[in-house]
Amino acid sequence: MSDSSAHYQPISCDLHDYLEIACMRGYVLLVELTDGSRFEAKAITTLVNADKEEFLRLRGATGDQDIRLDRLAAITPQAANAGFGRVRLAGSVCQF
């Protein structure tokens, strides 16, 4: 689950709520990554590893995958009745 290729930057604390809602409601999301790739997958849960890096666990056609939160550019729920629309995550850092 660890991605040691770059120092982890926590996302904005306010935006974390959208990820939790997506997981609680089991939304299928259009996921946009900072590398430009895009795919659809169901939000399952958020995780934290021993290095305090946070991840979003997604379930797609090829199984479960954990995406480090600072690799997420945006998420968009695909349900017509979703409680929110597209949320841009990239560049939003949580300040402690």
PDB file of N, CA and C in Angstrom:
ATOM      1  N   MET A   1       0.821  -1.198   0.000  1.00  0.00           N
ATOM      2  CA  MET A   1       0.000   0.000   0.000  1.00  0.00           C
ATOM      3  C   MET A   1       0.855   1.248   0.000  1.00  0.00           C
ATOM      4  N   SER A   2       2.100   1.178   0.377  1.00  0.00           N
ATOM      5  CA  SER A   2       2.939   2.374   0.453  1.00  0.00           C
ATOM      6  C   SER A   2       3.468   2.769  -0.918  1.00  0.00           C
ATOM      7  N   ASP A   3       3.540   4.076  -1.140  1.00  0.00           N
ATOM      8  CA  ASP A   3       4.104   4.631  -2.368  1.00  0.00           C
ATOM      9  C   ASP A   3       5.204   5.579  -1.938  1.00  0.00           C
ATOM     10  N   SER A   4       6.425   5.092  -1.895  1.00  0.00           N
ATOM     11  CA  SER A   4       7.533   5.888  -1.364  1.00  0.00           C
ATOM     12  C   SER A   4       8.227   6.722  -2.429  1.00  0.00           C
ATOM     13  N   SER A   5       7.614   6.866  -3.607  1.00  0.00           N
ATOM     14  CA  SER A   5       8.263   7.602  -4.690  1.00  0.00           C
ATOM     15  C   SER A   5       8.310   9.107  -4.433  1.00  0.00           C
ATOM     16  N   ALA A   6       7.491   9.612  -3.543  1.00  0.00           N
ATOM     17  CA  ALA A   6       7.470  11.040  -3.240  1.00  0.00           C
ATOM     18  C   ALA A   6       6.943  11.239  -1.831  1.00  0.00           C
ATOM     19  N   HIS A   7       7.318  12.341  -1.212  1.00  0.00           N
ATOM     20  CA  HIS A   7       6.841  12.670   0.136  1.00  0.00           C
ATOM     21  C   HIS A   7       5.333  12.882   0.105  1.00  0.00           C
ATOM     22  N   TYR A   8       4.631  12.258   1.023  1.00  0.00           N
ATOM     23  CA  TYR A   8       3.174  12.364   1.083  1.00  0.00           C
ATOM     24  C   TYR A   8       2.740  13.748   1.556  1.00  0.00           C
ATOM     25  N   GLN A   9       1.760  14.325   0.866  1.00  0.00           N
ATOM     26  CA  GLN A   9       1.152  15.596   1.233  1.00  0.00           C
ATOM     27  C   GLN A   9      -0.317  15.349   1.542  1.00  0.00           C
ATOM     28  N   PRO A  10      -0.737  15.450   2.816  1.00  0.00           N
ATOM     29  CA  PRO A  10      -2.147  15.223   3.145  1.00  0.00           C
ATOM     30  C   PRO A  10      -3.053  16.185   2.383  1.00  0.00           C
ATOM     31  N   ILE A  11      -4.221  15.688   1.967  1.00  0.00           N
ATOM     32  CA  ILE A  11      -5.174  16.567   1.279  1.00  0.00           C
ATOM     33  C   ILE A  11      -5.886  17.427   2.313  1.00  0.00           C
ATOM     34  N   SER A  12      -6.567  18.439   1.837  1.00  0.00           N
ATOM     35  CA  SER A  12      -7.321  19.345   2.702  1.00  0.00           C
ATOM     36  C   SER A  12      -8.286  18.560   3.581  1.00  0.00           C
ATOM     37  N   CYS A  13      -8.307  18.890   4.838  1.00  0.00           N
ATOM     38  CA  CYS A  13      -9.190  18.220   5.795  1.00  0.00           C
ATOM     39  C   CYS A  13     -10.657  18.334   5.370  1.00  0.00           C
ATOM     40  N   ASP A  14     -11.054  19.465   4.826  1.00  0.00           N
ATOM     41  CA  ASP A  14     -12.434  19.666   4.385  1.00  0.00           C
ATOM     42  C   ASP A  14     -12.814  18.705   3.265  1.00  0.00           C
ATOM     43  N   LEU A  15     -11.880  18.401   2.377  1.00  0.00           N
ATOM     44  CA  LEU A  15     -12.172  17.535   1.242  1.00  0.00           C
ATOM     45  C   LEU A  15     -12.244  16.064   1.643  1.00  0.00           C
ATOM     46  N   HIS A  16     -11.660  15.735   2.767  1.00  0.00           N
ATOM     47  CA  HIS A  16     -11.700  14.365   3.263  1.00  0.00           C
ATOM     48  C   HIS A  16     -13.137  13.899   3.460  1.00  0.00           C
ATOM     49  N   ASP A  17     -14.022  14.823   3.851  1.00  0.00           N
ATOM     50  CA  ASP A  17     -15.428  14.485   4.080  1.00  0.00           C
ATOM     51  C   ASP A  17     -16.083  13.902   2.832  1.00  0.00           C
ATOM     52  N   TYR A  18     -15.751  14.430   1.654  1.00  0.00           N
ATOM     53  CA  TYR A  18     -16.328  13.915   0.412  1.00  0.00           C
ATOM     54  C   TYR A  18     -15.929  12.463   0.180  1.00  0.00           C
ATOM     55  N   LEU A  19     -14.694  12.123   0.502  1.00  0.00           N
ATOM     56  CA  LEU A  19     -14.243  10.737   0.352  1.00  0.00           C
ATOM     57  C   LEU A  19     -14.990   9.823   1.316  1.00  0.00           C
ATOM     58  N   GLU A  20     -15.185  10.280   2.539  1.00  0.00           N
ATOM     59  CA  GLU A  20     -15.906   9.476   3.536  1.00  0.00           C
ATOM     60  C   GLU A  20     -17.364   9.271   3.120  1.00  0.00           C
ATOM     61  N   ILE A  21     -17.999  10.312   2.608  1.00  0.00           N
ATOM     62  CA  ILE A  21     -19.384  10.197   2.131  1.00  0.00           C
ATOM     63  C   ILE A  21     -19.459   9.210   0.977  1.00  0.00           C
ATOM     64  N   ALA A  22     -18.527   9.310   0.038  1.00  0.00           N
ATOM     65  CA  ALA A  22     -18.514   8.404  -1.113  1.00  0.00           C
ATOM     66  C   ALA A  22     -18.383   6.953  -0.653  1.00  0.00           C
ATOM     67  N   CYS A  23     -17.568   6.711   0.356  1.00  0.00           N
ATOM     68  CA  CYS A  23     -17.393   5.355   0.877  1.00  0.00           C
ATOM     69  C   CYS A  23     -18.645   4.884   1.615  1.00  0.00           C
ATOM     70  N   MET A  24     -19.194   5.722   2.475  1.00  0.00           N
ATOM     71  CA  MET A  24     -20.391   5.345   3.248  1.00  0.00           C
ATOM     72  C   MET A  24     -21.565   5.011   2.336  1.00  0.00           C
ATOM     73  N   ARG A  25     -21.688   5.757   1.247  1.00  0.00           N
ATOM     74  CA  ARG A  25     -22.822   5.557   0.338  1.00  0.00           C
ATOM     75  C   ARG A  25     -22.487   4.594  -0.801  1.00  0.00           C
ATOM     76  N   GLY A  26     -21.252   4.125  -0.858  1.00  0.00           N
ATOM     77  CA  GLY A  26     -20.861   3.161  -1.887  1.00  0.00           C
ATOM     78  C   GLY A  26     -20.942   3.716  -3.296  1.00  0.00           C
ATOM     79  N   TYR A  27     -20.607   4.998  -3.456  1.00  0.00           N
ATOM     80  CA  TYR A  27     -20.684   5.624  -4.775  1.00  0.00           C
ATOM     81  C   TYR A  27     -19.676   5.013  -5.749  1.00  0.00           C
ATOM     82  N   VAL A  28     -20.116   4.853  -6.976  1.00  0.00           N
ATOM     83  CA  VAL A  28     -19.185   4.613  -8.077  1.00  0.00           C
ATOM     84  C   VAL A  28     -18.686   5.987  -8.489  1.00  0.00           C
ATOM     85  N   LEU A  29     -17.365   6.123  -8.565  1.00  0.00           N
ATOM     86  CA  LEU A  29     -16.746   7.413  -8.857  1.00  0.00           C
ATOM     87  C   LEU A  29     -16.014   7.385 -10.186  1.00  0.00           C
ATOM     88  N   LEU A  30     -16.030   8.507 -10.881  1.00  0.00           N
ATOM     89  CA  LEU A  30     -15.063   8.746 -11.939  1.00  0.00           C
ATOM     90  C   LEU A  30     -13.858   9.320 -11.213  1.00  0.00           C
ATOM     91  N   VAL A  31     -12.758   8.598 -11.249  1.00  0.00           N
ATOM     92  CA  VAL A  31     -11.546   8.976 -10.524  1.00  0.00           C
ATOM     93  C   VAL A  31     -10.549   9.547 -11.522  1.00  0.00           C
ATOM     94  N   GLU A  32     -10.063  10.745 -11.241  1.00  0.00           N
ATOM     95  CA  GLU A  32      -9.034  11.383 -12.061  1.00  0.00           C
ATOM     96  C   GLU A  32      -7.768  11.478 -11.220  1.00  0.00           C
ATOM     97  N   LEU A  33      -6.667  10.950 -11.742  1.00  0.00           N
ATOM     98  CA  LEU A  33      -5.399  10.973 -11.017  1.00  0.00           C
ATOM     99  C   LEU A  33      -4.516  12.113 -11.501  1.00  0.00           C
ATOM    100  N   THR A  34      -3.549  12.473 -10.692  1.00  0.00           N
ATOM    101  CA  THR A  34      -2.658  13.579 -11.043  1.00  0.00           C
ATOM    102  C   THR A  34      -1.786  13.275 -12.253  1.00  0.00           C
ATOM    103  N   ASP A  35      -1.658  11.997 -12.630  1.00  0.00           N
ATOM    104  CA  ASP A  35      -0.885  11.644 -13.827  1.00  0.00           C
ATOM    105  C   ASP A  35      -1.719  11.725 -15.102  1.00  0.00           C
ATOM    106  N   GLY A  36      -2.993  12.126 -14.964  1.00  0.00           N
ATOM    107  CA  GLY A  36      -3.878  12.293 -16.113  1.00  0.00           C
ATOM    108  C   GLY A  36      -4.764  11.094 -16.399  1.00  0.00           C
ATOM    109  N   SER A  37      -4.540   9.967 -15.754  1.00  0.00           N
ATOM    110  CA  SER A  37      -5.374   8.791 -16.008  1.00  0.00           C
ATOM    111  C   SER A  37      -6.724   8.942 -15.322  1.00  0.00           C
ATOM    112  N   ARG A  38      -7.723   8.243 -15.882  1.00  0.00           N
ATOM    113  CA  ARG A  38      -9.098   8.304 -15.387  1.00  0.00           C
ATOM    114  C   ARG A  38      -9.698   6.910 -15.450  1.00  0.00           C
ATOM    115  N   PHE A  39     -10.541   6.594 -14.470  1.00  0.00           N
ATOM    116  CA  PHE A  39     -11.234   5.304 -14.461  1.00  0.00           C
ATOM    117  C   PHE A  39     -12.425   5.395 -13.517  1.00  0.00           C
ATOM    118  N   GLU A  40     -13.337   4.425 -13.631  1.00  0.00           N
ATOM    119  CA  GLU A  40     -14.476   4.351 -12.729  1.00  0.00           C
ATOM    120  C   GLU A  40     -14.267   3.205 -11.759  1.00  0.00           C
ATOM    121  N   ALA A  41     -14.627   3.431 -10.496  1.00  0.00           N
ATOM    122  CA  ALA A  41     -14.528   2.402  -9.471  1.00  0.00           C
ATOM    123  C   ALA A  41     -15.411   2.790  -8.295  1.00  0.00           C
ATOM    124  N   LYS A  42     -15.786   1.787  -7.509  1.00  0.00           N
ATOM    125  CA  LYS A  42     -16.624   2.002  -6.328  1.00  0.00           C
ATOM    126  C   LYS A  42     -15.751   2.351  -5.130  1.00  0.00           C
ATOM    127  N   ALA A  43     -16.134   3.407  -4.403  1.00  0.00           N
ATOM    128  CA  ALA A  43     -15.427   3.813  -3.189  1.00  0.00           C
ATOM    129  C   ALA A  43     -15.761   2.818  -2.077  1.00  0.00           C
ATOM    130  N   ILE A  44     -14.725   2.268  -1.424  1.00  0.00           N
ATOM    131  CA  ILE A  44     -14.919   1.263  -0.386  1.00  0.00           C
ATOM    132  C   ILE A  44     -14.613   1.827   1.002  1.00  0.00           C
ATOM    133  N   THR A  45     -13.403   2.344   1.209  1.00  0.00           N
ATOM    134  CA  THR A  45     -13.009   2.874   2.510  1.00  0.00           C
ATOM    135  C   THR A  45     -11.747   3.720   2.369  1.00  0.00           C
ATOM    136  N   THR A  46     -11.414   4.437   3.414  1.00  0.00           N
ATOM    137  CA  THR A  46     -10.128   5.134   3.476  1.00  0.00           C
ATOM    138  C   THR A  46      -9.246   4.391   4.469  1.00  0.00           C
ATOM    139  N   LEU A  47      -7.940   4.461   4.235  1.00  0.00           N
ATOM    140  CA  LEU A  47      -6.966   3.735   5.044  1.00  0.00           C
ATOM    141  C   LEU A  47      -5.784   4.638   5.357  1.00  0.00           C
ATOM    142  N   VAL A  48      -5.086   4.318   6.440  1.00  0.00           N
ATOM    143  CA  VAL A  48      -3.842   5.006   6.793  1.00  0.00           C
ATOM    144  C   VAL A  48      -2.806   3.924   7.075  1.00  0.00           C
ATOM    145  N   ASN A  49      -1.612   4.052   6.469  1.00  0.00           N
ATOM    146  CA  ASN A  49      -0.566   3.063   6.721  1.00  0.00           C
ATOM    147  C   ASN A  49       0.329   3.501   7.879  1.00  0.00           C
ATOM    148  N   ALA A  50       1.338   2.705   8.187  1.00  0.00           N
ATOM    149  CA  ALA A  50       2.234   2.976   9.314  1.00  0.00           C
ATOM    150  C   ALA A  50       3.010   4.279   9.140  1.00  0.00           C
ATOM    151  N   ASP A  51       3.205   4.710   7.884  1.00  0.00           N
ATOM    152  CA  ASP A  51       3.911   5.961   7.600  1.00  0.00           C
ATOM    153  C   ASP A  51       2.982   7.168   7.591  1.00  0.00           C
ATOM    154  N   LYS A  52       1.719   6.973   8.011  1.00  0.00           N
ATOM    155  CA  LYS A  52       0.705   8.032   8.071  1.00  0.00           C
ATOM    156  C   LYS A  52       0.299   8.557   6.697  1.00  0.00           C
ATOM    157  N   GLU A  53       0.496   7.725   5.659  1.00  0.00           N
ATOM    158  CA  GLU A  53       0.007   8.055   4.321  1.00  0.00           C
ATOM    159  C   GLU A  53      -1.442   7.570   4.237  1.00  0.00           C
ATOM    160  N   GLU A  54      -2.311   8.392   3.634  1.00  0.00           N
ATOM    161  CA  GLU A  54      -3.725   8.060   3.532  1.00  0.00           C
ATOM    162  C   GLU A  54      -4.045   7.564   2.128  1.00  0.00           C
ATOM    163  N   PHE A  55      -4.968   6.602   2.057  1.00  0.00           N
ATOM    164  CA  PHE A  55      -5.348   5.969   0.807  1.00  0.00           C
ATOM    165  C   PHE A  55      -6.854   5.856   0.698  1.00  0.00           C
ATOM    166  N   LEU A  56      -7.334   5.830  -0.542  1.00  0.00           N
ATOM    167  CA  LEU A  56      -8.726   5.524  -0.842  1.00  0.00           C
ATOM    168  C   LEU A  56      -8.744   4.142  -1.475  1.00  0.00           C
ATOM    169  N   ARG A  57      -9.471   3.211  -0.845  1.00  0.00           N
ATOM    170  CA  ARG A  57      -9.613   1.882  -1.440  1.00  0.00           C
ATOM    171  C   ARG A  57     -10.791   1.920  -2.398  1.00  0.00           C
ATOM    172  N   LEU A  58     -10.530   1.490  -3.622  1.00  0.00           N
ATOM    173  CA  LEU A  58     -11.522   1.478  -4.686  1.00  0.00           C
ATOM    174  C   LEU A  58     -11.681   0.055  -5.215  1.00  0.00           C
ATOM    175  N   ARG A  59     -12.885  -0.282  -5.630  1.00  0.00           N
ATOM    176  CA  ARG A  59     -13.140  -1.595  -6.220  1.00  0.00           C
ATOM    177  C   ARG A  59     -13.586  -1.392  -7.665  1.00  0.00           C
ATOM    178  N   GLY A  60     -12.775  -1.906  -8.580  1.00  0.00           N
ATOM    179  CA  GLY A  60     -13.069  -1.787  -9.998  1.00  0.00           C
ATOM    180  C   GLY A  60     -13.135  -3.140 -10.670  1.00  0.00           C
ATOM    181  N   ALA A  61     -13.139  -3.129 -11.979  1.00  0.00           N
ATOM    182  CA  ALA A  61     -13.246  -4.356 -12.764  1.00  0.00           C
ATOM    183  C   ALA A  61     -12.089  -5.311 -12.516  1.00  0.00           C
ATOM    184  N   THR A  62     -10.932  -4.785 -12.150  1.00  0.00           N
ATOM    185  CA  THR A  62      -9.755  -5.641 -11.928  1.00  0.00           C
ATOM    186  C   THR A  62      -9.515  -5.935 -10.449  1.00  0.00           C
ATOM    187  N   GLY A  63     -10.467  -5.575  -9.584  1.00  0.00           N
ATOM    188  CA  GLY A  63     -10.325  -5.833  -8.157  1.00  0.00           C
ATOM    189  C   GLY A  63     -10.092  -4.558  -7.370  1.00  0.00           C
ATOM    190  N   ASP A  64      -9.670  -4.726  -6.119  1.00  0.00           N
ATOM    191  CA  ASP A  64      -9.430  -3.591  -5.239  1.00  0.00           C
ATOM    192  C   ASP A  64      -8.073  -2.963  -5.502  1.00  0.00           C
ATOM    193  N   GLN A  65      -8.030  -1.651  -5.366  1.00  0.00           N
ATOM    194  CA  GLN A  65      -6.755  -0.939  -5.427  1.00  0.00           C
ATOM    195  C   GLN A  65      -6.785   0.219  -4.447  1.00  0.00           C
ATOM    196  N   ASP A  66      -5.638   0.515  -3.890  1.00  0.00           N
ATOM    197  CA  ASP A  66      -5.500   1.612  -2.942  1.00  0.00           C
ATOM    198  C   ASP A  66      -4.758   2.751  -3.611  1.00  0.00           C
ATOM    199  N   ILE A  67      -5.385   3.917  -3.656  1.00  0.00           N
ATOM    200  CA  ILE A  67      -4.808   5.104  -4.286  1.00  0.00           C
ATOM    201  C   ILE A  67      -4.436   6.091  -3.190  1.00  0.00           C
ATOM    202  N   ARG A  68      -3.174   6.492  -3.165  1.00  0.00           N
ATOM    203  CA  ARG A  68      -2.749   7.482  -2.173  1.00  0.00           C
ATOM    204  C   ARG A  68      -3.490   8.790  -2.446  1.00  0.00           C
ATOM    205  N   LEU A  69      -4.001   9.415  -1.390  1.00  0.00           N
ATOM    206  CA  LEU A  69      -4.894  10.561  -1.564  1.00  0.00           C
ATOM    207  C   LEU A  69      -4.254  11.718  -2.308  1.00  0.00           C
ATOM    208  N   ASP A  70      -2.953  11.925  -2.164  1.00  0.00           N
ATOM    209  CA  ASP A  70      -2.328  13.032  -2.892  1.00  0.00           C
ATOM    210  C   ASP A  70      -2.096  12.716  -4.360  1.00  0.00           C
ATOM    211  N   ARG A  71      -2.510  11.525  -4.810  1.00  0.00           N
ATOM    212  CA  ARG A  71      -2.481  11.168  -6.232  1.00  0.00           C
ATOM    213  C   ARG A  71      -3.819  11.429  -6.911  1.00  0.00           C
ATOM    214  N   LEU A  72      -4.843  11.775  -6.099  1.00  0.00           N
ATOM    215  CA  LEU A  72      -6.173  12.059  -6.641  1.00  0.00           C
ATOM    216  C   LEU A  72      -6.237  13.505  -7.134  1.00  0.00           C
ATOM    217  N   ALA A  73      -6.627  13.682  -8.390  1.00  0.00           N
ATOM    218  CA  ALA A  73      -6.845  15.030  -8.919  1.00  0.00           C
ATOM    219  C   ALA A  73      -8.285  15.458  -8.674  1.00  0.00           C
ATOM    220  N   ALA A  74      -9.240  14.526  -8.893  1.00  0.00           N
ATOM    221  CA  ALA A  74     -10.659  14.829  -8.708  1.00  0.00           C
ATOM    222  C   ALA A  74     -11.447  13.533  -8.626  1.00  0.00           C
ATOM    223  N   ILE A  75     -12.624  13.631  -8.011  1.00  0.00           N
ATOM    224  CA  ILE A  75     -13.579  12.526  -8.004  1.00  0.00           C
ATOM    225  C   ILE A  75     -14.938  13.083  -8.397  1.00  0.00           C
ATOM    226  N   THR A  76     -15.703  12.270  -9.125  1.00  0.00           N
ATOM    227  CA  THR A  76     -17.059  12.654  -9.511  1.00  0.00           C
ATOM    228  C   THR A  76     -17.974  11.453  -9.310  1.00  0.00           C
ATOM    229  N   PRO A  77     -18.960  11.553  -8.411  1.00  0.00           N
ATOM    230  CA  PRO A  77     -19.907  10.446  -8.254  1.00  0.00           C
ATOM    231  C   PRO A  77     -20.717  10.267  -9.531  1.00  0.00           C
ATOM    232  N   GLN A  78     -20.972   9.018  -9.893  1.00  0.00           N
ATOM    233  CA  GLN A  78     -21.707   8.735 -11.119  1.00  0.00           C
ATOM    234  C   GLN A  78     -23.202   8.553 -10.875  1.00  0.00           C
ATOM    235  N   ALA A  79     -23.650   8.541  -9.620  1.00  0.00           N
ATOM    236  CA  ALA A  79     -25.071   8.415  -9.301  1.00  0.00           C
ATOM    237  C   ALA A  79     -25.779   9.742  -9.547  1.00  0.00           C
ATOM    238  N   ALA A  80     -26.930   9.672 -10.180  1.00  0.00           N
ATOM    239  CA  ALA A  80     -27.692  10.888 -10.486  1.00  0.00           C
ATOM    240  C   ALA A  80     -28.137  11.612  -9.217  1.00  0.00           C
ATOM    241  N   ASN A  81     -28.363  10.872  -8.138  1.00  0.00           N
ATOM    242  CA  ASN A  81     -28.861  11.474  -6.898  1.00  0.00           C
ATOM    243  C   ASN A  81     -27.755  11.658  -5.856  1.00  0.00           C
ATOM    244  N   ALA A  82     -26.518  11.716  -6.283  1.00  0.00           N
ATOM    245  CA  ALA A  82     -25.396  11.873  -5.354  1.00  0.00           C
ATOM    246  C   ALA A  82     -25.506  13.200  -4.602  1.00  0.00           C
ATOM    247  N   GLY A  83     -24.972  13.227  -3.390  1.00  0.00           N
ATOM    248  CA  GLY A  83     -25.050  14.415  -2.549  1.00  0.00           C
ATOM    249  C   GLY A  83     -24.062  15.504  -2.926  1.00  0.00           C
ATOM    250  N   PHE A  84     -23.195  15.253  -3.893  1.00  0.00           N
ATOM    251  CA  PHE A  84     -22.231  16.247  -4.358  1.00  0.00           C
ATOM    252  C   PHE A  84     -21.829  15.921  -5.791  1.00  0.00           C
ATOM    253  N   GLY A  85     -21.215  16.888  -6.456  1.00  0.00           N
ATOM    254  CA  GLY A  85     -20.745  16.710  -7.826  1.00  0.00           C
ATOM    255  C   GLY A  85     -19.233  16.518  -7.844  1.00  0.00           C
ATOM    256  N   ARG A  86     -18.606  16.959  -8.921  1.00  0.00           N
ATOM    257  CA  ARG A  86     -17.156  16.809  -9.069  1.00  0.00           C
ATOM    258  C   ARG A  86     -16.433  17.581  -7.966  1.00  0.00           C
ATOM    259  N   VAL A  87     -15.465  16.913  -7.331  1.00  0.00           N
ATOM    260  CA  VAL A  87     -14.667  17.525  -6.280  1.00  0.00           C
ATOM    261  C   VAL A  87     -13.217  17.481  -6.714  1.00  0.00           C
ATOM    262  N   ARG A  88     -12.599  18.641  -6.813  1.00  0.00           N
ATOM    263  CA  ARG A  88     -11.189  18.739  -7.191  1.00  0.00           C
ATOM    264  C   ARG A  88     -10.348  18.634  -5.929  1.00  0.00           C
ATOM    265  N   LEU A  89      -9.442  17.663  -5.905  1.00  0.00           N
ATOM    266  CA  LEU A  89      -8.615  17.383  -4.731  1.00  0.00           C
ATOM    267  C   LEU A  89      -7.178  17.835  -4.898  1.00  0.00           C
ATOM    268  N   ALA A  90      -6.656  17.815  -6.100  1.00  0.00           N
ATOM    269  CA  ALA A  90      -5.240  18.122  -6.343  1.00  0.00           C
ATOM    270  C   ALA A  90      -4.895  19.518  -5.876  1.00  0.00           C
ATOM    271  N   GLY A  91      -3.756  19.622  -5.199  1.00  0.00           N
ATOM    272  CA  GLY A  91      -3.254  20.919  -4.779  1.00  0.00           C
ATOM    273  C   GLY A  91      -3.857  21.437  -3.491  1.00  0.00           C
ATOM    274  N   SER A  92      -4.760  20.694  -2.889  1.00  0.00           N
ATOM    275  CA  SER A  92      -5.381  21.134  -1.646  1.00  0.00           C
ATOM    276  C   SER A  92      -4.707  20.393  -0.488  1.00  0.00           C
ATOM    277  N   VAL A  93      -3.952  21.120   0.322  1.00  0.00           N
ATOM    278  CA  VAL A  93      -3.148  20.499   1.373  1.00  0.00           C
ATOM    279  C   VAL A  93      -3.756  20.817   2.731  1.00  0.00           C
ATOM    280  N   CYS A  94      -3.786  19.803   3.590  1.00  0.00           N
ATOM    281  CA  CYS A  94      -4.284  19.986   4.948  1.00  0.00           C
ATOM    282  C   CYS A  94      -3.198  20.647   5.787  1.00  0.00           C
ATOM    283  N   GLN A  95      -3.522  21.708   6.477  1.00  0.00           N
ATOM    284  CA  GLN A  95      -2.579  22.401   7.349  1.00  0.00           C
ATOM    285  C   GLN A  95      -2.889  22.053   8.792  1.00  0.00           C
ATOM    286  N   PHE A  96      -1.897  21.581   9.525  1.00  0.00           N
ATOM    287  CA  PHE A  96      -2.077  21.218  10.938  1.00  0.00           C
ATOM    288  C   PHE A  96      -1.619  22.348  11.829  1.00  0.00           C
TER     289      PHE A  96
END
